[in-house]
Amino acid sequence: MKKVLRVCAEWLVLLLVAFLLTLLIRTFVLDNRIVPTGSMLPTIQLNDRLFVDKLLYKAQGIERGDVVVFHAPENIGEEKDMVKRVIGLPGETLEIANGLVYINDQALDEPYVAEAPNYAFGPVTVPEDAYFVMGDNRNHSLDSHIWGVLAESYITGRIWIRYYPLSAFGKLAEPPADYFFSP
């Protein structure tokens, strides 16, 4: 009987340690997301499963083109975390006109968008400690052009890898190296 109790206690400790490790990893290091909307088409498809880096991105910093996960701003009435691409960085002036996004009066080269934006916006200067984020499906995305800039404190991680479907396993397609159209 003692042997059975000891084995049960070992299993209980093992399960408790596994649960605590899982909780720590998901809270501070790596999490997963399922994308429920088409706002990031064509880069991320509906129901893609993604791993989210919650630790290293803080040391590396956020750059234009990063696809980030963040808590939805209170003013939009959304409860679930959102996934969008970082377009405007702190201190930059952003404007959307004639189907293009301009950063400091230079047009961005954005081969990852589904279609050119059919609206005008700005100009607006992105405050320090904030970012301008947009979905790649520009005309069907609830993003910064509707609700404003995103405070850095809302960002919880950066998309690291798509793990499902297996046919699309790997990092998301890289945006252009220099981002701006050549003059």
Protein backbone atom coordinates (compact mmCIF):
# COMPACT_ATOMS: atom_id res chain seq x y z
CA MET A 1 0.00 0.00 0.00
CA LYS A 2 2.86 2.38 0.85
CA LYS A 3 4.34 1.85 -2.59
CA VAL A 4 1.06 2.81 -4.30
CA LEU A 5 0.77 5.96 -2.17
CA ARG A 6 4.37 6.92 -2.95
CA VAL A 7 3.83 6.43 -6.71
CA CYS A 8 0.62 8.51 -6.55
CA ALA A 9 2.44 11.25 -4.61
CA GLU A 10 5.28 11.27 -7.18
CA TRP A 11 2.76 11.59 -10.02
CA LEU A 12 0.94 14.36 -8.21
CA VAL A 13 4.19 16.31 -7.69
CA LEU A 14 5.16 15.71 -11.32
CA LEU A 15 1.79 16.99 -12.57
CA LEU A 16 1.96 20.02 -10.28
CA VAL A 17 5.47 20.92 -11.52
CA ALA A 18 4.37 20.46 -15.14
CA PHE A 19 1.35 22.70 -14.56
CA LEU A 20 3.46 25.41 -12.91
CA LEU A 21 6.08 25.30 -15.67
CA THR A 22 3.38 25.57 -18.32
CA LEU A 23 1.82 28.51 -16.52
CA LEU A 24 5.17 30.30 -16.20
CA ILE A 25 6.12 29.70 -19.83
CA ARG A 26 2.74 30.85 -21.18
CA THR A 27 2.73 33.91 -18.93
CA PHE A 28 6.27 35.16 -19.50
CA VAL A 29 7.95 33.42 -22.46
CA LEU A 30 5.80 31.87 -25.18
CA ASP A 31 2.08 31.77 -25.86
CA ASN A 32 -0.13 30.72 -28.75
CA ARG A 33 -2.94 32.45 -30.65
CA ILE A 34 -5.59 31.44 -33.13
CA VAL A 35 -6.47 34.24 -35.55
CA PRO A 36 -10.29 34.53 -35.73
CA THR A 37 -10.62 37.32 -38.34
CA GLY A 38 -9.41 38.19 -41.82
CA SER A 39 -7.84 41.52 -40.85
CA MET A 40 -4.30 40.24 -41.55
CA LEU A 41 -5.04 38.57 -44.90
CA PRO A 42 -3.10 37.59 -46.98
CA THR A 43 -0.21 37.26 -44.47
CA ILE A 44 -2.19 35.38 -41.83
CA GLN A 45 -5.17 33.25 -42.82
CA LEU A 46 -8.32 32.69 -40.78
CA ASN A 47 -7.73 30.16 -37.98
CA ASP A 48 -3.93 30.09 -38.40
CA ARG A 49 -2.23 29.09 -35.19
CA LEU A 50 0.72 31.21 -34.10
CA PHE A 51 3.38 31.16 -31.41
CA VAL A 52 3.85 34.52 -29.69
CA ASP A 53 7.24 35.59 -28.33
CA LYS A 54 6.49 37.35 -25.04
CA LEU A 55 10.06 37.79 -23.82
CA LEU A 56 12.75 38.35 -26.49
CA TYR A 57 10.87 41.09 -28.33
CA LYS A 58 11.30 43.30 -25.26
CA ALA A 59 15.09 43.04 -25.48
CA GLN A 60 15.19 43.40 -29.28
CA GLY A 61 12.70 46.26 -29.50
CA ILE A 62 9.73 46.71 -31.79
CA GLU A 63 10.45 47.53 -35.42
CA ARG A 64 8.37 48.54 -38.43
CA GLY A 65 6.93 45.40 -39.99
CA ASP A 66 6.73 43.38 -36.77
CA VAL A 67 3.40 41.61 -36.35
CA VAL A 68 2.41 42.10 -32.72
CA VAL A 69 -0.24 40.83 -30.31
CA PHE A 70 -1.81 43.37 -28.00
CA HIS A 71 -4.70 43.99 -25.65
CA ALA A 72 -7.48 45.78 -27.49
CA PRO A 73 -7.78 49.46 -26.53
CA GLU A 74 -10.75 50.14 -24.26
CA ASN A 75 -12.35 52.61 -26.68
CA ILE A 76 -13.19 49.98 -29.30
CA GLY A 77 -15.31 47.60 -27.21
CA GLU A 78 -13.26 44.54 -28.14
CA GLU A 79 -12.31 42.08 -25.39
CA LYS A 80 -9.96 39.66 -27.15
CA ASP A 81 -6.33 40.36 -27.93
CA MET A 82 -5.66 41.61 -31.46
CA VAL A 83 -2.93 40.93 -34.07
CA LYS A 84 -1.68 43.74 -36.36
CA ARG A 85 1.46 44.92 -38.13
CA VAL A 86 3.53 47.82 -36.75
CA ILE A 87 3.60 50.60 -39.37
CA GLY A 88 4.42 53.85 -37.56
CA LEU A 89 7.12 54.18 -34.92
CA PRO A 90 7.36 56.71 -32.08
CA GLY A 91 8.06 60.23 -33.34
CA GLU A 92 7.13 59.53 -36.97
CA THR A 93 4.46 61.40 -38.90
CA LEU A 94 2.08 59.07 -40.72
CA GLU A 95 -0.47 59.82 -43.43
CA ILE A 96 -2.63 57.65 -45.68
CA ALA A 97 -3.51 59.18 -49.04
CA ASN A 98 -3.98 58.05 -52.65
CA GLY A 99 -3.85 54.38 -51.68
CA LEU A 100 -0.43 54.67 -49.99
CA VAL A 101 0.90 54.97 -46.46
CA TYR A 102 3.43 57.76 -45.99
CA ILE A 103 5.94 57.92 -43.15
CA ASN A 104 7.59 61.34 -42.84
CA ASP A 105 6.42 62.09 -46.42
CA GLN A 106 7.97 58.90 -47.86
CA ALA A 107 5.68 56.24 -49.34
CA LEU A 108 6.00 52.76 -47.87
CA ASP A 109 6.57 49.73 -50.08
CA GLU A 110 4.03 47.23 -48.74
CA PRO A 111 3.84 44.07 -50.88
CA TYR A 112 2.15 42.24 -47.98
CA VAL A 113 -1.17 44.19 -48.10
CA ALA A 114 -4.30 42.63 -49.57
CA GLU A 115 -5.26 45.86 -51.38
CA ALA A 116 -4.42 49.54 -51.20
CA PRO A 117 -6.31 51.52 -48.55
CA ASN A 118 -9.42 53.19 -50.01
CA TYR A 119 -9.50 55.92 -47.36
CA ALA A 120 -7.49 58.94 -46.28
CA PHE A 121 -6.08 59.47 -42.81
CA GLY A 122 -3.86 61.96 -41.04
CA PRO A 123 -1.34 63.29 -40.93
CA VAL A 124 -0.71 62.26 -37.33
CA THR A 125 2.52 62.16 -35.32
CA VAL A 126 2.98 58.98 -33.31
CA PRO A 127 3.74 59.87 -29.66
CA GLU A 128 6.68 58.44 -27.75
CA ASP A 129 5.87 55.04 -26.21
CA ALA A 130 3.20 54.40 -28.88
CA TYR A 131 2.89 52.73 -32.30
CA PHE A 132 0.60 52.95 -35.31
CA VAL A 133 -0.60 49.43 -36.17
CA MET A 134 -2.59 48.25 -39.17
CA GLY A 135 -3.98 45.01 -40.54
CA ASP A 136 -2.63 43.82 -43.88
CA ASN A 137 -6.23 43.64 -45.10
CA ARG A 138 -6.36 47.43 -44.87
CA ASN A 139 -9.93 48.04 -45.98
CA HIS A 140 -11.33 45.41 -43.59
CA SER A 141 -9.29 45.95 -40.44
CA LEU A 142 -10.19 47.53 -37.13
CA ASP A 143 -6.84 49.24 -36.50
CA SER A 144 -5.06 52.50 -35.68
CA HIS A 145 -6.62 54.38 -38.57
CA ILE A 146 -9.95 53.94 -36.75
CA TRP A 147 -9.11 53.99 -33.03
CA GLY A 148 -5.77 55.81 -32.92
CA VAL A 149 -2.24 54.96 -31.86
CA LEU A 150 -1.45 51.98 -29.67
CA ALA A 151 0.34 52.55 -26.37
CA GLU A 152 3.42 50.36 -26.07
CA SER A 153 2.15 49.06 -22.73
CA TYR A 154 -0.73 47.26 -24.52
CA ILE A 155 1.67 45.08 -26.57
CA THR A 156 2.03 41.59 -25.11
CA GLY A 157 4.23 39.93 -27.73
CA ARG A 158 5.40 39.54 -31.29
CA ILE A 159 4.39 36.75 -33.65
CA TRP A 160 7.24 34.30 -33.85
CA ILE A 161 6.09 31.27 -35.88
CA ARG A 162 2.99 29.95 -37.58
CA TYR A 163 2.68 26.33 -36.44
CA TYR A 164 -0.61 25.41 -38.10
CA PRO A 165 -1.53 24.57 -40.79
CA LEU A 166 1.60 22.48 -41.16
CA SER A 167 1.79 23.36 -44.87
CA ALA A 168 2.49 26.99 -43.84
CA PHE A 169 4.75 26.21 -40.87
CA GLY A 170 7.49 28.77 -40.25
CA LYS A 171 8.09 32.47 -39.85
CA LEU A 172 5.76 34.93 -41.53
CA ALA A 173 6.95 36.36 -44.85
CA GLU A 174 9.55 39.09 -44.33
CA PRO A 175 8.58 42.63 -45.31
CA PRO A 176 10.88 44.62 -47.63
CA ALA A 177 14.31 45.49 -46.25
CA ASP A 178 14.11 49.27 -46.62
CA TYR A 179 10.31 49.74 -46.62
CA PHE A 180 10.33 52.88 -48.72
CA PHE A 181 9.80 53.27 -52.45
CA SER A 182 12.95 54.43 -54.18
CA PRO A 183 12.69 58.08 -55.32
